[in-house]
Amino acid sequence: MFYFGGAVPLVIGTLMFFLLPESLQYLALHGKNPGKLARWLKRVDPSLTVTANTQFVVREQKQTGVPMVKLFQEGRATTTLLLWTVYFMNLLNLYFLSSWLPTILTPLVKAAGVSPSYALLFGSTLQIGGVVGAVVLGGLVTRFGFVPVLATCFTLASVNIAMIGRPGLSLALLFIIVFIAGLGVVGGQSVINALAASLYPTDLRSTGIGAGLGVGRTGSIVGPQVAGVLIGMHWSPHQLFLAAAVPALIAAVVMIAMRRQIKPALKASADSRAMVH
C-alpha cells in the first residue's frame, strides 16, 4: 500500500513537471519565454492573434524584498493571519480524523457485531469524501465564491463531526456522516489552497500558500497529539468528536470574518490577468 501511495505521486509529479504550464501572469510579469506564453494563450483562445511584436503585460509590479515580510505589508496582515487560522484549524481536524477515526470507532463496530477491521473503512470513507469534495467544491466556488462555499463546508463538517460519536447510530448512517465530514474537511483543504493562491499577487502566491501550509502543519501535529492525550484521559467517543467539531466551527466563523478582506484581494487578482497588446 505504501509503495503504491509513494509511486503514484511520483508519476503525477513527473507529468506535471513536463505538461503543466507556468502561471501566465508570472510569465508575463517577468518577461519569461514569450513564445511559450503565446502558445498557451492560443490554447486558451485559438482565435487570438499573436505576432513577433506582441507584448504581454499584467497590472502588477514585480515584488522586491523578503516575500515572507510582504505577506504582512500593504494591508495584507489581517488577511494573512485569518488565512493561517483557517489552515491551522482545518489541518488540525484533518489529521485528527485521519489518525484516530478507525481506532476510536473500533468499539462501536464491535458493538454492532462486525469485525473490528471494518473500522478501517471509515478512514477510507473520510478520504473518499475528500476526493469528491475537491472536485465538486471547485465548481461551487466558481459559481458562488470562496466565502459562502467554505463557510458552509466547514459548518457542515462541524455538525457531522459532532455526530460521529453519537450513541445509537447505525453503521450505514455513520458512513454517510463520515463521508460528509471528509467532504468538508479534506475536500475543503484543496479550496483553502486555491483561496490562498487567489489572495496574493503573482510573486507572493507560492510564499502565501507555503506559509499557510507551514502554519497548518503545526495544527496537523497538535491535532493527533491532543487526541491521544484525551483518549488517555478516557474521554468517550462522543466527547472526543464534540471537541473535534470545535476547530471546524472556528474555521467557518473565520471564513465569514474574512469576507471583507477577500473581496478586494480577489478583485486585484482578477485585474492582474495577462493582457495582449
C-alpha atoms as a PDB file:
ATOM      1  CA  MET A   1       0.000   0.000   0.000  1.00  0.00           C
ATOM      2  CA  PHE A   2       2.811   2.412   0.835  1.00  0.00           C
ATOM      3  CA  TYR A   3       4.741   1.551  -2.333  1.00  0.00           C
ATOM      4  CA  PHE A   4       1.605   2.346  -4.331  1.00  0.00           C
ATOM      5  CA  GLY A   5       0.979   5.529  -2.342  1.00  0.00           C
ATOM      6  CA  GLY A   6       4.554   6.664  -2.984  1.00  0.00           C
ATOM      7  CA  ALA A   7       4.695   5.701  -6.661  1.00  0.00           C
ATOM      8  CA  VAL A   8       1.511   7.454  -7.792  1.00  0.00           C
ATOM      9  CA  PRO A   9       2.594  10.961  -6.654  1.00  0.00           C
ATOM     10  CA  LEU A  10       5.980  10.426  -8.347  1.00  0.00           C
ATOM     11  CA  VAL A  11       4.265   9.641 -11.639  1.00  0.00           C
ATOM     12  CA  ILE A  12       1.833  12.560 -11.299  1.00  0.00           C
ATOM     13  CA  GLY A  13       4.649  14.926 -10.282  1.00  0.00           C
ATOM     14  CA  THR A  14       6.722  13.924 -13.308  1.00  0.00           C
ATOM     15  CA  LEU A  15       3.786  14.513 -15.659  1.00  0.00           C
ATOM     16  CA  MET A  16       3.091  17.881 -14.037  1.00  0.00           C
ATOM     17  CA  PHE A  17       6.730  18.937 -14.441  1.00  0.00           C
ATOM     18  CA  PHE A  18       6.610  18.402 -18.193  1.00  0.00           C
ATOM     19  CA  LEU A  19       2.960  19.142 -19.028  1.00  0.00           C
ATOM     20  CA  LEU A  20       1.687  21.750 -16.540  1.00  0.00           C
ATOM     21  CA  PRO A  21       2.310  25.342 -17.706  1.00  0.00           C
ATOM     22  CA  GLU A  22       3.713  28.063 -15.511  1.00  0.00           C
ATOM     23  CA  SER A  23       1.271  30.767 -14.413  1.00  0.00           C
ATOM     24  CA  LEU A  24       0.590  33.017 -17.406  1.00  0.00           C
ATOM     25  CA  GLN A  25       0.646  36.039 -15.111  1.00  0.00           C
ATOM     26  CA  TYR A  26       4.069  35.003 -13.815  1.00  0.00           C
ATOM     27  CA  LEU A  27       5.498  34.568 -17.316  1.00  0.00           C
ATOM     28  CA  ALA A  28       4.148  37.961 -18.408  1.00  0.00           C
ATOM     29  CA  LEU A  29       5.243  39.745 -15.215  1.00  0.00           C
ATOM     30  CA  HIS A  30       8.833  38.508 -15.532  1.00  0.00           C
ATOM     31  CA  GLY A  31       9.018  38.641 -19.326  1.00  0.00           C
ATOM     32  CA  LYS A  32       9.991  34.986 -19.473  1.00  0.00           C
ATOM     33  CA  ASN A  33       9.639  32.875 -22.608  1.00  0.00           C
ATOM     34  CA  PRO A  34       7.062  34.920 -24.586  1.00  0.00           C
ATOM     35  CA  GLY A  35       6.889  32.117 -27.160  1.00  0.00           C
ATOM     36  CA  LYS A  36       5.667  29.647 -24.551  1.00  0.00           C
ATOM     37  CA  LEU A  37       3.228  32.223 -23.190  1.00  0.00           C
ATOM     38  CA  ALA A  38       1.851  32.776 -26.697  1.00  0.00           C
ATOM     39  CA  ARG A  39       1.382  29.035 -27.253  1.00  0.00           C
ATOM     40  CA  TRP A  40      -0.573  28.604 -24.031  1.00  0.00           C
ATOM     41  CA  LEU A  41      -2.736  31.650 -24.702  1.00  0.00           C
ATOM     42  CA  LYS A  42      -3.539  30.235 -28.140  1.00  0.00           C
ATOM     43  CA  ARG A  43      -4.696  27.037 -26.477  1.00  0.00           C
ATOM     44  CA  VAL A  44      -6.986  29.057 -24.222  1.00  0.00           C
ATOM     45  CA  ASP A  45      -8.278  31.201 -27.121  1.00  0.00           C
ATOM     46  CA  PRO A  46      -7.473  29.802 -30.598  1.00  0.00           C
ATOM     47  CA  SER A  47      -8.829  32.989 -32.224  1.00  0.00           C
ATOM     48  CA  LEU A  48      -6.097  35.080 -30.574  1.00  0.00           C
ATOM     49  CA  THR A  49      -3.681  36.756 -32.978  1.00  0.00           C
ATOM     50  CA  VAL A  50      -0.070  36.835 -31.764  1.00  0.00           C
ATOM     51  CA  THR A  51       2.820  38.312 -33.760  1.00  0.00           C
ATOM     52  CA  ALA A  52       6.501  38.946 -33.158  1.00  0.00           C
ATOM     53  CA  ASN A  53       5.619  42.458 -31.921  1.00  0.00           C
ATOM     54  CA  THR A  54       3.005  41.272 -29.424  1.00  0.00           C
ATOM     55  CA  GLN A  55       3.612  42.351 -25.832  1.00  0.00           C
ATOM     56  CA  PHE A  56       2.232  40.570 -22.760  1.00  0.00           C
ATOM     57  CA  VAL A  57       1.572  42.694 -19.682  1.00  0.00           C
ATOM     58  CA  VAL A  58      -0.133  42.396 -16.293  1.00  0.00           C
ATOM     59  CA  ARG A  59      -1.455  45.117 -13.980  1.00  0.00           C
ATOM     60  CA  GLU A  60       1.104  44.284 -11.288  1.00  0.00           C
ATOM     61  CA  GLN A  61       4.547  45.375 -10.190  1.00  0.00           C
ATOM     62  CA  LYS A  62       7.357  42.905  -9.558  1.00  0.00           C
ATOM     63  CA  GLN A  63       7.766  42.383  -5.817  1.00  0.00           C
ATOM     64  CA  THR A  64      11.096  43.189  -4.172  1.00  0.00           C
ATOM     65  CA  GLY A  65      12.326  42.441  -0.669  1.00  0.00           C
ATOM     66  CA  VAL A  66      11.667  39.424   1.575  1.00  0.00           C
ATOM     67  CA  PRO A  67       8.493  37.599   0.363  1.00  0.00           C
ATOM     68  CA  MET A  68       7.553  36.432   3.869  1.00  0.00           C
ATOM     69  CA  VAL A  69       7.573  40.012   5.151  1.00  0.00           C
ATOM     70  CA  LYS A  70       5.472  41.108   2.164  1.00  0.00           C
ATOM     71  CA  LEU A  71       2.636  38.870   3.421  1.00  0.00           C
ATOM     72  CA  PHE A  72       2.134  41.421   6.234  1.00  0.00           C
ATOM     73  CA  GLN A  73       2.589  44.608   4.226  1.00  0.00           C
ATOM     74  CA  GLU A  74       0.268  46.708   2.057  1.00  0.00           C
ATOM     75  CA  GLY A  75      -2.793  45.792   4.112  1.00  0.00           C
ATOM     76  CA  ARG A  76      -2.261  42.016   3.945  1.00  0.00           C
ATOM     77  CA  ALA A  77      -1.575  41.355   7.653  1.00  0.00           C
ATOM     78  CA  THR A  78      -5.183  40.719   8.718  1.00  0.00           C
ATOM     79  CA  THR A  79      -5.877  38.554   5.675  1.00  0.00           C
ATOM     80  CA  THR A  80      -2.724  36.508   6.264  1.00  0.00           C
ATOM     81  CA  LEU A  81      -3.448  35.916   9.959  1.00  0.00           C
ATOM     82  CA  LEU A  82      -7.060  34.901   9.294  1.00  0.00           C
ATOM     83  CA  LEU A  83      -5.964  32.591   6.491  1.00  0.00           C
ATOM     84  CA  TRP A  84      -3.370  30.983   8.762  1.00  0.00           C
ATOM     85  CA  THR A  85      -6.085  30.422  11.378  1.00  0.00           C
ATOM     86  CA  VAL A  86      -8.218  28.556   8.832  1.00  0.00           C
ATOM     87  CA  TYR A  87      -5.215  26.493   7.742  1.00  0.00           C
ATOM     88  CA  PHE A  88      -4.358  25.618  11.351  1.00  0.00           C
ATOM     89  CA  MET A  89      -7.888  24.635  12.362  1.00  0.00           C
ATOM     90  CA  ASN A  90      -8.663  22.598   9.260  1.00  0.00           C
ATOM     91  CA  LEU A  91      -5.392  20.647   9.186  1.00  0.00           C
ATOM     92  CA  LEU A  92      -5.728  20.002  12.925  1.00  0.00           C
ATOM     93  CA  ASN A  93      -9.091  18.410  12.190  1.00  0.00           C
ATOM     94  CA  LEU A  94      -7.936  16.599   9.078  1.00  0.00           C
ATOM     95  CA  TYR A  95      -5.060  14.834  10.809  1.00  0.00           C
ATOM     96  CA  PHE A  96      -7.024  14.140  13.971  1.00  0.00           C
ATOM     97  CA  LEU A  97      -9.662  12.349  11.922  1.00  0.00           C
ATOM     98  CA  SER A  98      -7.162  10.616   9.625  1.00  0.00           C
ATOM     99  CA  SER A  99      -5.067   9.364  12.551  1.00  0.00           C
ATOM    100  CA  TRP A 100      -7.677   8.353  15.102  1.00  0.00           C
ATOM    101  CA  LEU A 101     -11.017   7.757  13.372  1.00  0.00           C
ATOM    102  CA  PRO A 102     -10.665   3.960  12.858  1.00  0.00           C
ATOM    103  CA  THR A 103      -9.250   3.478  16.376  1.00  0.00           C
ATOM    104  CA  ILE A 104     -11.993   5.453  18.107  1.00  0.00           C
ATOM    105  CA  LEU A 105     -14.758   3.784  16.109  1.00  0.00           C
ATOM    106  CA  THR A 106     -13.494   0.219  16.626  1.00  0.00           C
ATOM    107  CA  PRO A 107     -15.539  -0.269  19.857  1.00  0.00           C
ATOM    108  CA  LEU A 108     -18.678   0.946  18.063  1.00  0.00           C
ATOM    109  CA  VAL A 109     -18.029  -1.501  15.223  1.00  0.00           C
ATOM    110  CA  LYS A 110     -17.535  -4.348  17.706  1.00  0.00           C
ATOM    111  CA  ALA A 111     -20.758  -3.409  19.465  1.00  0.00           C
ATOM    112  CA  ALA A 112     -22.558  -3.726  16.123  1.00  0.00           C
ATOM    113  CA  GLY A 113     -21.308  -7.317  15.835  1.00  0.00           C
ATOM    114  CA  VAL A 114     -18.978  -6.587  12.903  1.00  0.00           C
ATOM    115  CA  SER A 115     -15.270  -7.420  12.532  1.00  0.00           C
ATOM    116  CA  PRO A 116     -13.028  -4.717  14.068  1.00  0.00           C
ATOM    117  CA  SER A 117     -11.157  -4.424  10.752  1.00  0.00           C
ATOM    118  CA  TYR A 118     -14.373  -2.951   9.370  1.00  0.00           C
ATOM    119  CA  ALA A 119     -13.457   0.259  11.215  1.00  0.00           C
ATOM    120  CA  LEU A 120     -10.674   0.871   8.690  1.00  0.00           C
ATOM    121  CA  LEU A 121     -13.334   1.514   6.057  1.00  0.00           C
ATOM    122  CA  PHE A 122     -14.333   4.653   7.926  1.00  0.00           C
ATOM    123  CA  GLY A 123     -10.862   6.058   7.322  1.00  0.00           C
ATOM    124  CA  SER A 124     -11.210   5.272   3.614  1.00  0.00           C
ATOM    125  CA  THR A 125     -14.682   6.835   3.543  1.00  0.00           C
ATOM    126  CA  LEU A 126     -13.281  10.044   5.021  1.00  0.00           C
ATOM    127  CA  GLN A 127     -10.715  10.295   2.205  1.00  0.00           C
ATOM    128  CA  ILE A 128     -13.240   9.372  -0.494  1.00  0.00           C
ATOM    129  CA  GLY A 129     -15.418  12.219   0.757  1.00  0.00           C
ATOM    130  CA  GLY A 130     -12.370  14.463   0.426  1.00  0.00           C
ATOM    131  CA  VAL A 131     -11.752  13.438  -3.181  1.00  0.00           C
ATOM    132  CA  VAL A 132     -15.385  14.076  -4.102  1.00  0.00           C
ATOM    133  CA  GLY A 133     -15.285  17.381  -2.249  1.00  0.00           C
ATOM    134  CA  ALA A 134     -12.165  18.555  -4.079  1.00  0.00           C
ATOM    135  CA  VAL A 135     -13.915  18.001  -7.412  1.00  0.00           C
ATOM    136  CA  VAL A 136     -17.378  19.302  -6.510  1.00  0.00           C
ATOM    137  CA  LEU A 137     -16.360  22.305  -4.418  1.00  0.00           C
ATOM    138  CA  GLY A 138     -14.251  23.796  -7.219  1.00  0.00           C
ATOM    139  CA  GLY A 139     -17.321  24.221  -9.391  1.00  0.00           C
ATOM    140  CA  LEU A 140     -19.320  25.633  -6.491  1.00  0.00           C
ATOM    141  CA  VAL A 141     -16.608  28.208  -5.753  1.00  0.00           C
ATOM    142  CA  THR A 142     -16.710  29.347  -9.377  1.00  0.00           C
ATOM    143  CA  ARG A 143     -20.446  29.881  -9.069  1.00  0.00           C
ATOM    144  CA  PHE A 144     -20.904  31.173  -5.515  1.00  0.00           C
ATOM    145  CA  GLY A 145     -17.476  32.347  -4.334  1.00  0.00           C
ATOM    146  CA  PHE A 146     -14.986  31.226  -1.689  1.00  0.00           C
ATOM    147  CA  VAL A 147     -16.675  32.553   1.459  1.00  0.00           C
ATOM    148  CA  PRO A 148     -20.166  31.037   1.023  1.00  0.00           C
ATOM    149  CA  VAL A 149     -18.751  27.663  -0.060  1.00  0.00           C
ATOM    150  CA  LEU A 150     -16.049  27.330   2.604  1.00  0.00           C
ATOM    151  CA  ALA A 151     -18.209  28.706   5.433  1.00  0.00           C
ATOM    152  CA  THR A 152     -20.988  26.237   4.544  1.00  0.00           C
ATOM    153  CA  CYS A 153     -18.442  23.475   4.056  1.00  0.00           C
ATOM    154  CA  PHE A 154     -16.872  23.891   7.492  1.00  0.00           C
ATOM    155  CA  THR A 155     -20.257  24.304   9.206  1.00  0.00           C
ATOM    156  CA  LEU A 156     -21.478  21.014   7.705  1.00  0.00           C
ATOM    157  CA  ALA A 157     -18.196  19.393   8.704  1.00  0.00           C
ATOM    158  CA  SER A 158     -18.575  20.640  12.286  1.00  0.00           C
ATOM    159  CA  VAL A 159     -22.126  19.300  12.599  1.00  0.00           C
ATOM    160  CA  ASN A 160     -21.248  15.904  11.148  1.00  0.00           C
ATOM    161  CA  ILE A 161     -18.040  15.508  13.166  1.00  0.00           C
ATOM    162  CA  ALA A 162     -20.059  16.178  16.321  1.00  0.00           C
ATOM    163  CA  MET A 163     -22.496  13.440  15.271  1.00  0.00           C
ATOM    164  CA  ILE A 164     -19.855  10.750  14.610  1.00  0.00           C
ATOM    165  CA  GLY A 165     -19.567   9.632  18.233  1.00  0.00           C
ATOM    166  CA  ARG A 166     -23.258   9.890  18.993  1.00  0.00           C
ATOM    167  CA  PRO A 167     -24.564   6.628  20.531  1.00  0.00           C
ATOM    168  CA  GLY A 168     -27.166   4.567  18.694  1.00  0.00           C
ATOM    169  CA  LEU A 169     -26.208   5.411  15.110  1.00  0.00           C
ATOM    170  CA  SER A 170     -26.420   2.648  12.522  1.00  0.00           C
ATOM    171  CA  LEU A 171     -23.243   1.827  10.604  1.00  0.00           C
ATOM    172  CA  ALA A 172     -24.879   2.908   7.338  1.00  0.00           C
ATOM    173  CA  LEU A 173     -25.735   6.335   8.748  1.00  0.00           C
ATOM    174  CA  LEU A 174     -22.275   6.598  10.293  1.00  0.00           C
ATOM    175  CA  PHE A 175     -20.670   6.053   6.876  1.00  0.00           C
ATOM    176  CA  ILE A 176     -22.765   8.896   5.440  1.00  0.00           C
ATOM    177  CA  ILE A 177     -21.810  11.199   8.316  1.00  0.00           C
ATOM    178  CA  VAL A 178     -18.086  10.409   7.929  1.00  0.00           C
ATOM    179  CA  PHE A 179     -18.332  10.944   4.164  1.00  0.00           C
ATOM    180  CA  ILE A 180     -19.824  14.434   4.635  1.00  0.00           C
ATOM    181  CA  ALA A 181     -17.193  15.250   7.264  1.00  0.00           C
ATOM    182  CA  GLY A 182     -14.483  14.214   4.794  1.00  0.00           C
ATOM    183  CA  LEU A 183     -16.059  16.281   2.044  1.00  0.00           C
ATOM    184  CA  GLY A 184     -15.957  19.335   4.295  1.00  0.00           C
ATOM    185  CA  VAL A 185     -12.556  18.916   5.951  1.00  0.00           C
ATOM    186  CA  VAL A 186     -10.426  17.038   3.394  1.00  0.00           C
ATOM    187  CA  GLY A 187     -12.164  18.490   0.331  1.00  0.00           C
ATOM    188  CA  GLY A 188     -12.212  21.942   1.884  1.00  0.00           C
ATOM    189  CA  GLN A 189      -8.425  21.887   2.209  1.00  0.00           C
ATOM    190  CA  SER A 190      -7.968  21.997  -1.569  1.00  0.00           C
ATOM    191  CA  VAL A 191     -10.276  25.026  -1.708  1.00  0.00           C
ATOM    192  CA  ILE A 192      -8.239  26.772   1.011  1.00  0.00           C
ATOM    193  CA  ASN A 193      -5.128  26.310  -1.127  1.00  0.00           C
ATOM    194  CA  ALA A 194      -6.934  27.812  -4.121  1.00  0.00           C
ATOM    195  CA  LEU A 195      -8.087  30.721  -1.948  1.00  0.00           C
ATOM    196  CA  ALA A 196      -4.520  31.406  -0.798  1.00  0.00           C
ATOM    197  CA  ALA A 197      -3.364  31.462  -4.426  1.00  0.00           C
ATOM    198  CA  SER A 198      -6.086  33.998  -5.233  1.00  0.00           C
ATOM    199  CA  LEU A 199      -5.449  36.330  -2.293  1.00  0.00           C
ATOM    200  CA  TYR A 200      -1.860  37.281  -3.090  1.00  0.00           C
ATOM    201  CA  PRO A 201      -0.235  38.921  -6.111  1.00  0.00           C
ATOM    202  CA  THR A 202       1.633  36.691  -8.558  1.00  0.00           C
ATOM    203  CA  ASP A 203       5.091  36.955  -6.960  1.00  0.00           C
ATOM    204  CA  LEU A 204       3.713  36.124  -3.486  1.00  0.00           C
ATOM    205  CA  ARG A 205       1.451  33.206  -4.376  1.00  0.00           C
ATOM    206  CA  SER A 206       3.890  30.394  -3.655  1.00  0.00           C
ATOM    207  CA  THR A 207       5.008  32.111  -0.442  1.00  0.00           C
ATOM    208  CA  GLY A 208       1.412  32.679   0.651  1.00  0.00           C
ATOM    209  CA  ILE A 209       0.411  29.067   0.087  1.00  0.00           C
ATOM    210  CA  GLY A 210       3.633  27.669   1.553  1.00  0.00           C
ATOM    211  CA  ALA A 211       3.422  29.817   4.679  1.00  0.00           C
ATOM    212  CA  GLY A 212      -0.220  28.881   5.216  1.00  0.00           C
ATOM    213  CA  LEU A 213       0.535  25.189   4.828  1.00  0.00           C
ATOM    214  CA  GLY A 214       3.512  25.549   7.179  1.00  0.00           C
ATOM    215  CA  VAL A 215       1.306  27.031   9.905  1.00  0.00           C
ATOM    216  CA  GLY A 216      -1.325  24.407   9.133  1.00  0.00           C
ATOM    217  CA  ARG A 217       1.227  21.616   9.618  1.00  0.00           C
ATOM    218  CA  THR A 218       1.573  22.816  13.194  1.00  0.00           C
ATOM    219  CA  GLY A 219      -2.115  22.037  13.549  1.00  0.00           C
ATOM    220  CA  SER A 220      -1.576  18.648  11.921  1.00  0.00           C
ATOM    221  CA  ILE A 221       0.933  17.852  14.696  1.00  0.00           C
ATOM    222  CA  VAL A 222      -1.191  19.270  17.512  1.00  0.00           C
ATOM    223  CA  GLY A 223      -4.443  17.521  16.479  1.00  0.00           C
ATOM    224  CA  PRO A 224      -3.350  13.870  16.783  1.00  0.00           C
ATOM    225  CA  GLN A 225      -1.287  14.629  19.916  1.00  0.00           C
ATOM    226  CA  VAL A 226      -4.193  16.293  21.730  1.00  0.00           C
ATOM    227  CA  ALA A 227      -6.491  13.453  20.678  1.00  0.00           C
ATOM    228  CA  GLY A 228      -4.038  10.931  22.115  1.00  0.00           C
ATOM    229  CA  VAL A 229      -3.978  12.811  25.414  1.00  0.00           C
ATOM    230  CA  LEU A 230      -7.789  12.948  25.570  1.00  0.00           C
ATOM    231  CA  ILE A 231      -8.071   9.248  24.750  1.00  0.00           C
ATOM    232  CA  GLY A 232      -5.564   8.577  27.547  1.00  0.00           C
ATOM    233  CA  MET A 233      -7.885  10.536  29.853  1.00  0.00           C
ATOM    234  CA  HIS A 234     -10.660   8.089  28.839  1.00  0.00           C
ATOM    235  CA  TRP A 235     -12.866  10.552  27.032  1.00  0.00           C
ATOM    236  CA  SER A 236     -15.792   8.827  25.358  1.00  0.00           C
ATOM    237  CA  PRO A 237     -16.104   8.822  21.527  1.00  0.00           C
ATOM    238  CA  HIS A 238     -18.998  11.266  21.864  1.00  0.00           C
ATOM    239  CA  GLN A 239     -16.860  13.698  23.881  1.00  0.00           C
ATOM    240  CA  LEU A 240     -13.887  13.337  21.514  1.00  0.00           C
ATOM    241  CA  PHE A 241     -15.876  14.177  18.402  1.00  0.00           C
ATOM    242  CA  LEU A 242     -17.697  17.041  20.093  1.00  0.00           C
ATOM    243  CA  ALA A 243     -14.273  18.514  20.825  1.00  0.00           C
ATOM    244  CA  ALA A 244     -13.134  17.820  17.249  1.00  0.00           C
ATOM    245  CA  ALA A 245     -16.157  19.727  15.921  1.00  0.00           C
ATOM    246  CA  VAL A 246     -14.936  22.968  17.501  1.00  0.00           C
ATOM    247  CA  PRO A 247     -11.992  23.682  15.114  1.00  0.00           C
ATOM    248  CA  ALA A 248     -14.270  23.244  12.080  1.00  0.00           C
ATOM    249  CA  LEU A 249     -16.755  25.688  13.603  1.00  0.00           C
ATOM    250  CA  ILE A 250     -13.960  28.190  14.284  1.00  0.00           C
ATOM    251  CA  ALA A 251     -12.800  27.846  10.654  1.00  0.00           C
ATOM    252  CA  ALA A 252     -16.357  28.595   9.469  1.00  0.00           C
ATOM    253  CA  VAL A 253     -16.577  31.729  11.645  1.00  0.00           C
ATOM    254  CA  VAL A 254     -13.164  32.941  10.474  1.00  0.00           C
ATOM    255  CA  MET A 255     -14.172  32.460   6.836  1.00  0.00           C
ATOM    256  CA  ILE A 256     -17.190  34.714   7.389  1.00  0.00           C
ATOM    257  CA  ALA A 257     -14.917  37.265   9.081  1.00  0.00           C
ATOM    258  CA  MET A 258     -12.616  37.196   6.023  1.00  0.00           C
ATOM    259  CA  ARG A 259     -15.248  38.285   3.529  1.00  0.00           C
ATOM    260  CA  ARG A 260     -14.257  41.975   3.658  1.00  0.00           C
ATOM    261  CA  GLN A 261     -10.584  41.124   3.107  1.00  0.00           C
ATOM    262  CA  ILE A 262     -11.251  38.607   0.348  1.00  0.00           C
ATOM    263  CA  LYS A 263     -13.303  40.832  -1.975  1.00  0.00           C
ATOM    264  CA  PRO A 264     -10.626  43.467  -2.746  1.00  0.00           C
ATOM    265  CA  ALA A 265      -7.883  40.813  -2.961  1.00  0.00           C
ATOM    266  CA  LEU A 266      -9.856  38.738  -5.454  1.00  0.00           C
ATOM    267  CA  LYS A 267     -10.680  41.857  -7.483  1.00  0.00           C
ATOM    268  CA  ALA A 268      -6.982  42.729  -7.658  1.00  0.00           C
ATOM    269  CA  SER A 269      -6.211  39.163  -8.703  1.00  0.00           C
ATOM    270  CA  ALA A 270      -8.810  39.329 -11.492  1.00  0.00           C
ATOM    271  CA  ASP A 271      -7.411  42.671 -12.639  1.00  0.00           C
ATOM    272  CA  SER A 272      -3.915  41.178 -12.942  1.00  0.00           C
ATOM    273  CA  ARG A 273      -4.808  38.834 -15.793  1.00  0.00           C
ATOM    274  CA  ALA A 274      -2.223  38.699 -18.546  1.00  0.00           C
ATOM    275  CA  MET A 275      -3.179  41.013 -21.413  1.00  0.00           C
ATOM    276  CA  VAL A 276      -2.055  41.022 -25.007  1.00  0.00           C
ATOM    277  CA  HIS A 277      -1.072  44.202 -26.879  1.00  0.00           C
END
